[in-house]
Amino acid sequence: MTEIRPCFAAFHVDDLEASARFYRDGLGIDLQPSHDPRHEEISWHDPYFHFALFPKEAPREPALGLFVEDLSAAHERLVGMGARVDRAPYVAPWGREARYLDPDGNLISITERKTHRTQGQ
């Protein structure tokens, strides 16, 4: 199996202000309001990881994002085991990505980062 690494996590919360305060003041995660005032976020860059809080009524975002070395192999493996595909592999500005539903309906994104191999595919 190829290397897989978490790169994104999002929680849909009942009370954005209370949850942001919990993560910011209680855990020391420096969440900041995003360009969309309805959610708070932070990114780390080495290695890259993005964490966000969204209100429950916000449009659905992936709960977890993962980087993989080979999206085609990951896609085949997931489809082969009967995973529900939310969005088949497509080219995004940051690389090739696909989205799946886990057994409980949580949306998971899997991304093969943009390299010379993924550009234009």
PDB file of N, CA and C in Angstrom:
ATOM      1  N   MET A   1       0.854  -1.173   0.000  1.00  0.00           N
ATOM      2  CA  MET A   1       0.000   0.000   0.000  1.00  0.00           C
ATOM      3  C   MET A   1       0.904   1.241   0.000  1.00  0.00           C
ATOM      4  N   THR A   2       0.466   2.261  -0.712  1.00  0.00           N
ATOM      5  CA  THR A   2       1.242   3.491  -0.780  1.00  0.00           C
ATOM      6  C   THR A   2       1.085   4.295   0.509  1.00  0.00           C
ATOM      7  N   GLU A   3       2.004   5.230   0.704  1.00  0.00           N
ATOM      8  CA  GLU A   3       1.952   6.081   1.897  1.00  0.00           C
ATOM      9  C   GLU A   3       0.692   6.939   1.870  1.00  0.00           C
ATOM     10  N   ILE A   4       0.063   7.076   3.017  1.00  0.00           N
ATOM     11  CA  ILE A   4      -1.120   7.919   3.152  1.00  0.00           C
ATOM     12  C   ILE A   4      -0.905   8.812   4.363  1.00  0.00           C
ATOM     13  N   ARG A   5      -1.284  10.094   4.240  1.00  0.00           N
ATOM     14  CA  ARG A   5      -1.056  11.039   5.323  1.00  0.00           C
ATOM     15  C   ARG A   5      -2.249  11.969   5.447  1.00  0.00           C
ATOM     16  N   PRO A   6      -2.776  12.167   6.673  1.00  0.00           N
ATOM     17  CA  PRO A   6      -3.863  13.132   6.846  1.00  0.00           C
ATOM     18  C   PRO A   6      -3.392  14.536   6.472  1.00  0.00           C
ATOM     19  N   CYS A   7      -4.277  15.304   5.815  1.00  0.00           N
ATOM     20  CA  CYS A   7      -3.937  16.674   5.440  1.00  0.00           C
ATOM     21  C   CYS A   7      -5.071  17.647   5.755  1.00  0.00           C
ATOM     22  N   PHE A   8      -6.242  17.141   6.160  1.00  0.00           N
ATOM     23  CA  PHE A   8      -7.389  18.002   6.393  1.00  0.00           C
ATOM     24  C   PHE A   8      -8.334  17.320   7.363  1.00  0.00           C
ATOM     25  N   ALA A   9      -8.891  18.094   8.279  1.00  0.00           N
ATOM     26  CA  ALA A   9      -9.952  17.608   9.158  1.00  0.00           C
ATOM     27  C   ALA A   9     -10.943  18.745   9.360  1.00  0.00           C
ATOM     28  N   ALA A  10     -12.220  18.417   9.338  1.00  0.00           N
ATOM     29  CA  ALA A  10     -13.264  19.420   9.556  1.00  0.00           C
ATOM     30  C   ALA A  10     -14.341  18.822  10.447  1.00  0.00           C
ATOM     31  N   PHE A  11     -14.808  19.631  11.371  1.00  0.00           N
ATOM     32  CA  PHE A  11     -15.920  19.244  12.223  1.00  0.00           C
ATOM     33  C   PHE A  11     -17.068  20.194  11.966  1.00  0.00           C
ATOM     34  N   HIS A  12     -18.274  19.640  11.854  1.00  0.00           N
ATOM     35  CA  HIS A  12     -19.498  20.441  11.778  1.00  0.00           C
ATOM     36  C   HIS A  12     -20.052  20.498  13.191  1.00  0.00           C
ATOM     37  N   VAL A  13     -20.187  21.709  13.711  1.00  0.00           N
ATOM     38  CA  VAL A  13     -20.476  21.895  15.132  1.00  0.00           C
ATOM     39  C   VAL A  13     -21.797  22.632  15.340  1.00  0.00           C
ATOM     40  N   ASP A  14     -22.403  22.412  16.514  1.00  0.00           N
ATOM     41  CA  ASP A  14     -23.657  23.077  16.861  1.00  0.00           C
ATOM     42  C   ASP A  14     -23.461  24.559  17.153  1.00  0.00           C
ATOM     43  N   ASP A  15     -22.384  24.911  17.859  1.00  0.00           N
ATOM     44  CA  ASP A  15     -22.129  26.287  18.274  1.00  0.00           C
ATOM     45  C   ASP A  15     -20.700  26.645  17.872  1.00  0.00           C
ATOM     46  N   LEU A  16     -20.556  27.340  16.748  1.00  0.00           N
ATOM     47  CA  LEU A  16     -19.235  27.658  16.207  1.00  0.00           C
ATOM     48  C   LEU A  16     -18.393  28.438  17.207  1.00  0.00           C
ATOM     49  N   GLU A  17     -18.976  29.436  17.853  1.00  0.00           N
ATOM     50  CA  GLU A  17     -18.227  30.262  18.798  1.00  0.00           C
ATOM     51  C   GLU A  17     -17.714  29.435  19.976  1.00  0.00           C
ATOM     52  N   ALA A  18     -18.569  28.583  20.540  1.00  0.00           N
ATOM     53  CA  ALA A  18     -18.161  27.750  21.679  1.00  0.00           C
ATOM     54  C   ALA A  18     -17.087  26.741  21.258  1.00  0.00           C
ATOM     55  N   SER A  19     -17.249  26.141  20.091  1.00  0.00           N
ATOM     56  CA  SER A  19     -16.260  25.169  19.629  1.00  0.00           C
ATOM     57  C   SER A  19     -14.931  25.840  19.307  1.00  0.00           C
ATOM     58  N   ALA A  20     -14.975  27.012  18.667  1.00  0.00           N
ATOM     59  CA  ALA A  20     -13.737  27.739  18.365  1.00  0.00           C
ATOM     60  C   ALA A  20     -13.016  28.096  19.667  1.00  0.00           C
ATOM     61  N   ARG A  21     -13.780  28.520  20.667  1.00  0.00           N
ATOM     62  CA  ARG A  21     -13.194  28.857  21.960  1.00  0.00           C
ATOM     63  C   ARG A  21     -12.555  27.610  22.598  1.00  0.00           C
ATOM     64  N   PHE A  22     -13.208  26.450  22.510  1.00  0.00           N
ATOM     65  CA  PHE A  22     -12.661  25.204  23.044  1.00  0.00           C
ATOM     66  C   PHE A  22     -11.308  24.885  22.402  1.00  0.00           C
ATOM     67  N   TYR A  23     -11.269  24.922  21.068  1.00  0.00           N
ATOM     68  CA  TYR A  23     -10.026  24.571  20.375  1.00  0.00           C
ATOM     69  C   TYR A  23      -8.963  25.654  20.524  1.00  0.00           C
ATOM     70  N   ARG A  24      -9.382  26.907  20.498  1.00  0.00           N
ATOM     71  CA  ARG A  24      -8.419  28.011  20.584  1.00  0.00           C
ATOM     72  C   ARG A  24      -7.919  28.192  22.024  1.00  0.00           C
ATOM     73  N   ASP A  25      -8.841  28.400  22.970  1.00  0.00           N
ATOM     74  CA  ASP A  25      -8.459  28.714  24.345  1.00  0.00           C
ATOM     75  C   ASP A  25      -8.126  27.474  25.168  1.00  0.00           C
ATOM     76  N   GLY A  26      -8.858  26.390  24.936  1.00  0.00           N
ATOM     77  CA  GLY A  26      -8.626  25.170  25.711  1.00  0.00           C
ATOM     78  C   GLY A  26      -7.452  24.352  25.216  1.00  0.00           C
ATOM     79  N   LEU A  27      -7.336  24.218  23.892  1.00  0.00           N
ATOM     80  CA  LEU A  27      -6.280  23.372  23.339  1.00  0.00           C
ATOM     81  C   LEU A  27      -5.115  24.154  22.734  1.00  0.00           C
ATOM     82  N   GLY A  28      -5.268  25.470  22.592  1.00  0.00           N
ATOM     83  CA  GLY A  28      -4.174  26.273  22.063  1.00  0.00           C
ATOM     84  C   GLY A  28      -4.016  26.235  20.555  1.00  0.00           C
ATOM     85  N   ILE A  29      -5.062  25.816  19.838  1.00  0.00           N
ATOM     86  CA  ILE A  29      -5.019  25.802  18.376  1.00  0.00           C
ATOM     87  C   ILE A  29      -5.461  27.176  17.897  1.00  0.00           C
ATOM     88  N   ASP A  30      -4.604  27.877  17.213  1.00  0.00           N
ATOM     89  CA  ASP A  30      -4.823  29.278  16.842  1.00  0.00           C
ATOM     90  C   ASP A  30      -5.806  29.416  15.671  1.00  0.00           C
ATOM     91  N   LEU A  31      -7.043  29.012  15.893  1.00  0.00           N
ATOM     92  CA  LEU A  31      -8.075  29.143  14.856  1.00  0.00           C
ATOM     93  C   LEU A  31      -8.316  30.610  14.542  1.00  0.00           C
ATOM     94  N   GLN A  32      -8.541  30.895  13.283  1.00  0.00           N
ATOM     95  CA  GLN A  32      -8.814  32.251  12.823  1.00  0.00           C
ATOM     96  C   GLN A  32     -10.087  32.247  11.978  1.00  0.00           C
ATOM     97  N   PRO A  33     -10.841  33.336  11.999  1.00  0.00           N
ATOM     98  CA  PRO A  33     -11.988  33.414  11.091  1.00  0.00           C
ATOM     99  C   PRO A  33     -11.479  33.326   9.646  1.00  0.00           C
ATOM    100  N   SER A  34     -12.233  32.657   8.816  1.00  0.00           N
ATOM    101  CA  SER A  34     -11.847  32.539   7.417  1.00  0.00           C
ATOM    102  C   SER A  34     -12.454  33.694   6.634  1.00  0.00           C
ATOM    103  N   HIS A  35     -12.227  33.706   5.337  1.00  0.00           N
ATOM    104  CA  HIS A  35     -12.871  34.707   4.488  1.00  0.00           C
ATOM    105  C   HIS A  35     -14.388  34.581   4.571  1.00  0.00           C
ATOM    106  N   ASP A  36     -14.870  33.392   4.881  1.00  0.00           N
ATOM    107  CA  ASP A  36     -16.289  33.147   5.125  1.00  0.00           C
ATOM    108  C   ASP A  36     -16.481  33.202   6.637  1.00  0.00           C
ATOM    109  N   PRO A  37     -17.150  34.233   7.173  1.00  0.00           N
ATOM    110  CA  PRO A  37     -17.233  34.388   8.628  1.00  0.00           C
ATOM    111  C   PRO A  37     -17.979  33.264   9.332  1.00  0.00           C
ATOM    112  N   ARG A  38     -18.559  32.341   8.573  1.00  0.00           N
ATOM    113  CA  ARG A  38     -19.279  31.240   9.206  1.00  0.00           C
ATOM    114  C   ARG A  38     -18.374  30.075   9.553  1.00  0.00           C
ATOM    115  N   HIS A  39     -17.065  30.182   9.332  1.00  0.00           N
ATOM    116  CA  HIS A  39     -16.210  29.096   9.798  1.00  0.00           C
ATOM    117  C   HIS A  39     -14.852  29.620  10.236  1.00  0.00           C
ATOM    118  N   GLU A  40     -14.178  28.812  11.054  1.00  0.00           N
ATOM    119  CA  GLU A  40     -12.862  29.146  11.592  1.00  0.00           C
ATOM    120  C   GLU A  40     -11.898  28.086  11.089  1.00  0.00           C
ATOM    121  N   GLU A  41     -10.619  28.470  10.914  1.00  0.00           N
ATOM    122  CA  GLU A  41      -9.668  27.545  10.325  1.00  0.00           C
ATOM    123  C   GLU A  41      -8.237  27.880  10.728  1.00  0.00           C
ATOM    124  N   ILE A  42      -7.364  26.918  10.482  1.00  0.00           N
ATOM    125  CA  ILE A  42      -5.918  27.114  10.633  1.00  0.00           C
ATOM    126  C   ILE A  42      -5.230  26.112   9.706  1.00  0.00           C
ATOM    127  N   SER A  43      -4.084  26.518   9.189  1.00  0.00           N
ATOM    128  CA  SER A  43      -3.262  25.620   8.374  1.00  0.00           C
ATOM    129  C   SER A  43      -1.845  25.599   8.925  1.00  0.00           C
ATOM    130  N   TRP A  44      -1.264  24.432   8.922  1.00  0.00           N
ATOM    131  CA  TRP A  44       0.157  24.273   9.193  1.00  0.00           C
ATOM    132  C   TRP A  44       0.787  23.910   7.853  1.00  0.00           C
ATOM    133  N   HIS A  45       2.040  24.259   7.651  1.00  0.00           N
ATOM    134  CA  HIS A  45       2.607  24.081   6.313  1.00  0.00           C
ATOM    135  C   HIS A  45       3.762  23.101   6.215  1.00  0.00           C
ATOM    136  N   ASP A  46       4.322  22.620   7.291  1.00  0.00           N
ATOM    137  CA  ASP A  46       5.449  21.705   7.166  1.00  0.00           C
ATOM    138  C   ASP A  46       5.371  20.608   8.212  1.00  0.00           C
ATOM    139  N   PRO A  47       4.698  19.513   7.946  1.00  0.00           N
ATOM    140  CA  PRO A  47       3.965  19.176   6.726  1.00  0.00           C
ATOM    141  C   PRO A  47       2.597  19.844   6.730  1.00  0.00           C
ATOM    142  N   TYR A  48       1.992  19.919   5.558  1.00  0.00           N
ATOM    143  CA  TYR A  48       0.719  20.610   5.396  1.00  0.00           C
ATOM    144  C   TYR A  48      -0.405  19.866   6.123  1.00  0.00           C
ATOM    145  N   PHE A  49      -1.202  20.624   6.886  1.00  0.00           N
ATOM    146  CA  PHE A  49      -2.423  20.110   7.508  1.00  0.00           C
ATOM    147  C   PHE A  49      -3.359  21.287   7.728  1.00  0.00           C
ATOM    148  N   HIS A  50      -4.621  21.121   7.391  1.00  0.00           N
ATOM    149  CA  HIS A  50      -5.623  22.175   7.540  1.00  0.00           C
ATOM    150  C   HIS A  50      -6.736  21.646   8.441  1.00  0.00           C
ATOM    151  N   PHE A  51      -7.121  22.445   9.440  1.00  0.00           N
ATOM    152  CA  PHE A  51      -8.182  22.090  10.376  1.00  0.00           C
ATOM    153  C   PHE A  51      -9.237  23.171  10.326  1.00  0.00           C
ATOM    154  N   ALA A  52     -10.514  22.782  10.262  1.00  0.00           N
ATOM    155  CA  ALA A  52     -11.585  23.768  10.156  1.00  0.00           C
ATOM    156  C   ALA A  52     -12.795  23.343  10.965  1.00  0.00           C
ATOM    157  N   LEU A  53     -13.539  24.347  11.418  1.00  0.00           N
ATOM    158  CA  LEU A  53     -14.829  24.154  12.081  1.00  0.00           C
ATOM    159  C   LEU A  53     -15.895  24.819  11.219  1.00  0.00           C
ATOM    160  N   PHE A  54     -16.988  24.120  10.986  1.00  0.00           N
ATOM    161  CA  PHE A  54     -18.115  24.639  10.216  1.00  0.00           C
ATOM    162  C   PHE A  54     -19.388  24.471  11.032  1.00  0.00           C
ATOM    163  N   PRO A  55     -20.332  25.396  10.909  1.00  0.00           N
ATOM    164  CA  PRO A  55     -21.628  25.160  11.563  1.00  0.00           C
ATOM    165  C   PRO A  55     -22.328  23.983  10.884  1.00  0.00           C
ATOM    166  N   LYS A  56     -23.134  23.272  11.642  1.00  0.00           N
ATOM    167  CA  LYS A  56     -23.802  22.078  11.101  1.00  0.00           C
ATOM    168  C   LYS A  56     -24.628  22.370   9.862  1.00  0.00           C
ATOM    169  N   GLU A  57     -25.184  23.577   9.757  1.00  0.00           N
ATOM    170  CA  GLU A  57     -26.048  23.875   8.610  1.00  0.00           C
ATOM    171  C   GLU A  57     -25.267  24.281   7.365  1.00  0.00           C
ATOM    172  N   ALA A  58     -23.937  24.383   7.475  1.00  0.00           N
ATOM    173  CA  ALA A  58     -23.118  24.763   6.307  1.00  0.00           C
ATOM    174  C   ALA A  58     -23.123  23.636   5.279  1.00  0.00           C
ATOM    175  N   PRO A  59     -22.870  23.954   4.009  1.00  0.00           N
ATOM    176  CA  PRO A  59     -22.759  22.888   3.006  1.00  0.00           C
ATOM    177  C   PRO A  59     -21.719  21.856   3.441  1.00  0.00           C
ATOM    178  N   ARG A  60     -21.974  20.629   3.075  1.00  0.00           N
ATOM    179  CA  ARG A  60     -21.127  19.521   3.508  1.00  0.00           C
ATOM    180  C   ARG A  60     -19.706  19.642   2.956  1.00  0.00           C
ATOM    181  N   GLU A  61     -18.746  19.516   3.840  1.00  0.00           N
ATOM    182  CA  GLU A  61     -17.325  19.491   3.498  1.00  0.00           C
ATOM    183  C   GLU A  61     -16.786  18.130   3.931  1.00  0.00           C
ATOM    184  N   PRO A  62     -15.664  17.695   3.347  1.00  0.00           N
ATOM    185  CA  PRO A  62     -15.092  16.433   3.828  1.00  0.00           C
ATOM    186  C   PRO A  62     -14.763  16.528   5.315  1.00  0.00           C
ATOM    187  N   ALA A  63     -14.974  15.423   6.022  1.00  0.00           N
ATOM    188  CA  ALA A  63     -14.613  15.358   7.429  1.00  0.00           C
ATOM    189  C   ALA A  63     -13.116  15.121   7.578  1.00  0.00           C
ATOM    190  N   LEU A  64     -12.530  14.443   6.593  1.00  0.00           N
ATOM    191  CA  LEU A  64     -11.122  14.091   6.637  1.00  0.00           C
ATOM    192  C   LEU A  64     -10.573  14.140   5.224  1.00  0.00           C
ATOM    193  N   GLY A  65      -9.398  14.693   5.079  1.00  0.00           N
ATOM    194  CA  GLY A  65      -8.701  14.694   3.803  1.00  0.00           C
ATOM    195  C   GLY A  65      -7.382  13.969   3.958  1.00  0.00           C
ATOM    196  N   LEU A  66      -7.023  13.182   2.968  1.00  0.00           N
ATOM    197  CA  LEU A  66      -5.798  12.394   3.012  1.00  0.00           C
ATOM    198  C   LEU A  66      -4.977  12.625   1.755  1.00  0.00           C
ATOM    199  N   PHE A  67      -3.647  12.688   1.908  1.00  0.00           N
ATOM    200  CA  PHE A  67      -2.751  12.706   0.762  1.00  0.00           C
ATOM    201  C   PHE A  67      -2.312  11.268   0.496  1.00  0.00           C
ATOM    202  N   VAL A  68      -2.286  10.881  -0.767  1.00  0.00           N
ATOM    203  CA  VAL A  68      -1.764   9.577  -1.169  1.00  0.00           C
ATOM    204  C   VAL A  68      -0.755   9.779  -2.297  1.00  0.00           C
ATOM    205  N   GLU A  69       0.112   8.801  -2.485  1.00  0.00           N
ATOM    206  CA  GLU A  69       1.087   8.862  -3.571  1.00  0.00           C
ATOM    207  C   GLU A  69       0.447   8.524  -4.909  1.00  0.00           C
ATOM    208  N   ASP A  70      -0.548   7.627  -4.899  1.00  0.00           N
ATOM    209  CA  ASP A  70      -1.137   7.132  -6.144  1.00  0.00           C
ATOM    210  C   ASP A  70      -2.651   7.055  -5.987  1.00  0.00           C
ATOM    211  N   LEU A  71      -3.350   8.081  -6.475  1.00  0.00           N
ATOM    212  CA  LEU A  71      -4.803   8.128  -6.339  1.00  0.00           C
ATOM    213  C   LEU A  71      -5.473   6.986  -7.094  1.00  0.00           C
ATOM    214  N   SER A  72      -4.959   6.643  -8.268  1.00  0.00           N
ATOM    215  CA  SER A  72      -5.575   5.558  -9.051  1.00  0.00           C
ATOM    216  C   SER A  72      -5.573   4.260  -8.272  1.00  0.00           C
ATOM    217  N   ALA A  73      -4.462   3.929  -7.617  1.00  0.00           N
ATOM    218  CA  ALA A  73      -4.384   2.694  -6.831  1.00  0.00           C
ATOM    219  C   ALA A  73      -5.335   2.757  -5.633  1.00  0.00           C
ATOM    220  N   ALA A  74      -5.384   3.909  -4.948  1.00  0.00           N
ATOM    221  CA  ALA A  74      -6.286   4.053  -3.800  1.00  0.00           C
ATOM    222  C   ALA A  74      -7.734   3.931  -4.243  1.00  0.00           C
ATOM    223  N   HIS A  75      -8.074   4.553  -5.369  1.00  0.00           N
ATOM    224  CA  HIS A  75      -9.435   4.493  -5.899  1.00  0.00           C
ATOM    225  C   HIS A  75      -9.822   3.043  -6.223  1.00  0.00           C
ATOM    226  N   GLU A  76      -8.953   2.338  -6.917  1.00  0.00           N
ATOM    227  CA  GLU A  76      -9.231   0.925  -7.254  1.00  0.00           C
ATOM    228  C   GLU A  76      -9.457   0.104  -5.996  1.00  0.00           C
ATOM    229  N   ARG A  77      -8.606   0.301  -4.994  1.00  0.00           N
ATOM    230  CA  ARG A  77      -8.721  -0.459  -3.747  1.00  0.00           C
ATOM    231  C   ARG A  77     -10.058  -0.177  -3.070  1.00  0.00           C
ATOM    232  N   LEU A  78     -10.445   1.104  -2.975  1.00  0.00           N
ATOM    233  CA  LEU A  78     -11.693   1.466  -2.312  1.00  0.00           C
ATOM    234  C   LEU A  78     -12.916   0.962  -3.077  1.00  0.00           C
ATOM    235  N   VAL A  79     -12.923   1.143  -4.390  1.00  0.00           N
ATOM    236  CA  VAL A  79     -14.043   0.658  -5.202  1.00  0.00           C
ATOM    237  C   VAL A  79     -14.119  -0.865  -5.116  1.00  0.00           C
ATOM    238  N   GLY A  80     -12.958  -1.529  -5.123  1.00  0.00           N
ATOM    239  CA  GLY A  80     -12.912  -2.985  -5.030  1.00  0.00           C
ATOM    240  C   GLY A  80     -13.496  -3.524  -3.742  1.00  0.00           C
ATOM    241  N   MET A  81     -13.438  -2.735  -2.688  1.00  0.00           N
ATOM    242  CA  MET A  81     -14.013  -3.180  -1.416  1.00  0.00           C
ATOM    243  C   MET A  81     -15.440  -2.671  -1.219  1.00  0.00           C
ATOM    244  N   GLY A  82     -15.993  -2.021  -2.264  1.00  0.00           N
ATOM    245  CA  GLY A  82     -17.388  -1.601  -2.220  1.00  0.00           C
ATOM    246  C   GLY A  82     -17.633  -0.216  -1.655  1.00  0.00           C
ATOM    247  N   ALA A  83     -16.591   0.611  -1.540  1.00  0.00           N
ATOM    248  CA  ALA A  83     -16.774   1.971  -1.006  1.00  0.00           C
ATOM    249  C   ALA A  83     -17.701   2.771  -1.922  1.00  0.00           C
ATOM    250  N   ARG A  84     -18.492   3.635  -1.323  1.00  0.00           N
ATOM    251  CA  ARG A  84     -19.377   4.510  -2.097  1.00  0.00           C
ATOM    252  C   ARG A  84     -18.582   5.719  -2.588  1.00  0.00           C
ATOM    253  N   VAL A  85     -18.587   5.939  -3.890  1.00  0.00           N
ATOM    254  CA  VAL A  85     -17.868   7.050  -4.493  1.00  0.00           C
ATOM    255  C   VAL A  85     -18.794   8.253  -4.522  1.00  0.00           C
ATOM    256  N   ASP A  86     -18.392   9.343  -3.881  1.00  0.00           N
ATOM    257  CA  ASP A  86     -19.149  10.586  -3.911  1.00  0.00           C
ATOM    258  C   ASP A  86     -18.771  11.396  -5.142  1.00  0.00           C
ATOM    259  N   ARG A  87     -17.491  11.399  -5.484  1.00  0.00           N
ATOM    260  CA  ARG A  87     -17.003  12.079  -6.684  1.00  0.00           C
ATOM    261  C   ARG A  87     -15.784  11.309  -7.186  1.00  0.00           C
ATOM    262  N   ALA A  88     -15.864  10.804  -8.414  1.00  0.00           N
ATOM    263  CA  ALA A  88     -14.764  10.046  -9.016  1.00  0.00           C
ATOM    264  C   ALA A  88     -13.544  10.956  -9.175  1.00  0.00           C
ATOM    265  N   PRO A  89     -12.364  10.373  -9.359  1.00  0.00           N
ATOM    266  CA  PRO A  89     -11.154  11.194  -9.493  1.00  0.00           C
ATOM    267  C   PRO A  89     -11.310  12.301 -10.535  1.00  0.00           C
ATOM    268  N   TYR A  90     -10.846  13.486 -10.149  1.00  0.00           N
ATOM    269  CA  TYR A  90     -10.900  14.672 -11.020  1.00  0.00           C
ATOM    270  C   TYR A  90      -9.659  15.510 -10.741  1.00  0.00           C
ATOM    271  N   VAL A  91      -9.365  16.425 -11.633  1.00  0.00           N
ATOM    272  CA  VAL A  91      -8.210  17.303 -11.463  1.00  0.00           C
ATOM    273  C   VAL A  91      -8.665  18.580 -10.761  1.00  0.00           C
ATOM    274  N   ALA A  92      -8.035  18.883  -9.632  1.00  0.00           N
ATOM    275  CA  ALA A  92      -8.281  20.103  -8.870  1.00  0.00           C
ATOM    276  C   ALA A  92      -7.011  20.960  -8.942  1.00  0.00           C
ATOM    277  N   PRO A  93      -7.091  22.222  -8.552  1.00  0.00           N
ATOM    278  CA  PRO A  93      -5.888  23.071  -8.615  1.00  0.00           C
ATOM    279  C   PRO A  93      -4.711  22.524  -7.807  1.00  0.00           C
ATOM    280  N   TRP A  94      -4.972  21.762  -6.762  1.00  0.00           N
ATOM    281  CA  TRP A  94      -3.924  21.250  -5.877  1.00  0.00           C
ATOM    282  C   TRP A  94      -3.494  19.837  -6.222  1.00  0.00           C
ATOM    283  N   GLY A  95      -4.115  19.180  -7.209  1.00  0.00           N
ATOM    284  CA  GLY A  95      -3.757  17.817  -7.608  1.00  0.00           C
ATOM    285  C   GLY A  95      -4.994  17.028  -7.973  1.00  0.00           C
ATOM    286  N   ARG A  96      -4.843  15.738  -8.184  1.00  0.00           N
ATOM    287  CA  ARG A  96      -5.992  14.879  -8.472  1.00  0.00           C
ATOM    288  C   ARG A  96      -6.663  14.513  -7.158  1.00  0.00           C
ATOM    289  N   GLU A  97      -7.987  14.544  -7.157  1.00  0.00           N
ATOM    290  CA  GLU A  97      -8.733  14.298  -5.931  1.00  0.00           C
ATOM    291  C   GLU A  97      -9.948  13.441  -6.242  1.00  0.00           C
ATOM    292  N   ALA A  98     -10.401  12.702  -5.247  1.00  0.00           N
ATOM    293  CA  ALA A  98     -11.651  11.946  -5.320  1.00  0.00           C
ATOM    294  C   ALA A  98     -12.277  11.996  -3.934  1.00  0.00           C
ATOM    295  N   ARG A  99     -13.590  11.756  -3.872  1.00  0.00           N
ATOM    296  CA  ARG A  99     -14.298  11.802  -2.590  1.00  0.00           C
ATOM    297  C   ARG A  99     -15.140  10.537  -2.424  1.00  0.00           C
ATOM    298  N   TYR A 100     -15.134  10.037  -1.207  1.00  0.00           N
ATOM    299  CA  TYR A 100     -15.809   8.784  -0.876  1.00  0.00           C
ATOM    300  C   TYR A 100     -16.610   8.971   0.404  1.00  0.00           C
ATOM    301  N   LEU A 101     -17.601   8.116   0.597  1.00  0.00           N
ATOM    302  CA  LEU A 101     -18.355   8.084   1.844  1.00  0.00           C
ATOM    303  C   LEU A 101     -17.888   6.877   2.638  1.00  0.00           C
ATOM    304  N   ASP A 102     -17.565   7.090   3.911  1.00  0.00           N
ATOM    305  CA  ASP A 102     -17.198   5.957   4.744  1.00  0.00           C
ATOM    306  C   ASP A 102     -18.480   5.196   5.113  1.00  0.00           C
ATOM    307  N   PRO A 103     -18.381   4.069   5.815  1.00  0.00           N
ATOM    308  CA  PRO A 103     -19.584   3.282   6.119  1.00  0.00           C
ATOM    309  C   PRO A 103     -20.668   4.048   6.866  1.00  0.00           C
ATOM    310  N   ASP A 104     -20.307   5.148   7.565  1.00  0.00           N
ATOM    311  CA  ASP A 104     -21.292   5.945   8.293  1.00  0.00           C
ATOM    312  C   ASP A 104     -21.739   7.183   7.544  1.00  0.00           C
ATOM    313  N   GLY A 105     -21.288   7.343   6.292  1.00  0.00           N
ATOM    314  CA  GLY A 105     -21.693   8.481   5.483  1.00  0.00           C
ATOM    315  C   GLY A 105     -20.823   9.715   5.619  1.00  0.00           C
ATOM    316  N   ASN A 106     -19.704   9.617   6.352  1.00  0.00           N
ATOM    317  CA  ASN A 106     -18.777  10.741   6.446  1.00  0.00           C
ATOM    318  C   ASN A 106     -18.046  10.905   5.121  1.00  0.00           C
ATOM    319  N   LEU A 107     -17.906  12.137   4.674  1.00  0.00           N
ATOM    320  CA  LEU A 107     -17.245  12.422   3.406  1.00  0.00           C
ATOM    321  C   LEU A 107     -15.731  12.489   3.620  1.00  0.00           C
ATOM    322  N   ILE A 108     -14.996  11.703   2.832  1.00  0.00           N
ATOM    323  CA  ILE A 108     -13.545  11.625   2.911  1.00  0.00           C
ATOM    324  C   ILE A 108     -12.979  12.019   1.556  1.00  0.00           C
ATOM    325  N   SER A 109     -12.021  12.955   1.538  1.00  0.00           N
ATOM    326  CA  SER A 109     -11.360  13.296   0.280  1.00  0.00           C
ATOM    327  C   SER A 109      -9.969  12.677   0.272  1.00  0.00           C
ATOM    328  N   ILE A 110      -9.562  12.212  -0.906  1.00  0.00           N
ATOM    329  CA  ILE A 110      -8.230  11.649  -1.089  1.00  0.00           C
ATOM    330  C   ILE A 110      -7.588  12.408  -2.238  1.00  0.00           C
ATOM    331  N   THR A 111      -6.375  12.924  -1.993  1.00  0.00           N
ATOM    332  CA  THR A 111      -5.700  13.780  -2.964  1.00  0.00           C
ATOM    333  C   THR A 111      -4.308  13.258  -3.276  1.00  0.00           C
ATOM    334  N   GLU A 112      -4.034  13.186  -4.566  1.00  0.00           N
ATOM    335  CA  GLU A 112      -2.662  12.966  -5.037  1.00  0.00           C
ATOM    336  C   GLU A 112      -2.157  14.346  -5.413  1.00  0.00           C
ATOM    337  N   ARG A 113      -1.173  14.831  -4.664  1.00  0.00           N
ATOM    338  CA  ARG A 113      -0.711  16.212  -4.859  1.00  0.00           C
ATOM    339  C   ARG A 113      -0.178  16.425  -6.265  1.00  0.00           C
ATOM    340  N   LYS A 114      -0.318  17.645  -6.730  1.00  0.00           N
ATOM    341  CA  LYS A 114       0.103  18.012  -8.074  1.00  0.00           C
ATOM    342  C   LYS A 114       1.612  17.819  -8.232  1.00  0.00           C
ATOM    343  N   THR A 115       1.968  17.076  -9.251  1.00  0.00           N
ATOM    344  CA  THR A 115       3.366  16.879  -9.637  1.00  0.00           C
ATOM    345  C   THR A 115       3.404  16.921 -11.152  1.00  0.00           C
ATOM    346  N   HIS A 116       4.556  16.694 -11.713  1.00  0.00           N
ATOM    347  CA  HIS A 116       4.648  16.644 -13.165  1.00  0.00           C
ATOM    348  C   HIS A 116       3.732  15.567 -13.736  1.00  0.00           C
ATOM    349  N   ARG A 117       3.500  14.460 -12.969  1.00  0.00           N
ATOM    350  CA  ARG A 117       2.668  13.364 -13.443  1.00  0.00           C
ATOM    351  C   ARG A 117       1.183  13.702 -13.449  1.00  0.00           C
ATOM    352  N   THR A 118       0.723  14.518 -12.482  1.00  0.00           N
ATOM    353  CA  THR A 118      -0.718  14.782 -12.367  1.00  0.00           C
ATOM    354  C   THR A 118      -1.165  16.001 -13.149  1.00  0.00           C
ATOM    355  N   GLN A 119      -0.261  16.839 -13.600  1.00  0.00           N
ATOM    356  CA  GLN A 119      -0.665  18.030 -14.329  1.00  0.00           C
ATOM    357  C   GLN A 119      -1.305  17.628 -15.649  1.00  0.00           C
ATOM    358  N   GLY A 120      -2.482  18.155 -15.901  1.00  0.00           N
ATOM    359  CA  GLY A 120      -3.182  17.917 -17.154  1.00  0.00           C
ATOM    360  C   GLY A 120      -3.873  16.583 -17.256  1.00  0.00           C
ATOM    361  N   GLN A 121      -3.837  15.747 -16.222  1.00  0.00           N
ATOM    362  CA  GLN A 121      -4.547  14.465 -16.290  1.00  0.00           C
ATOM    363  C   GLN A 121      -5.983  14.631 -15.889  1.00  0.00           C
TER     364      GLN A 121
END
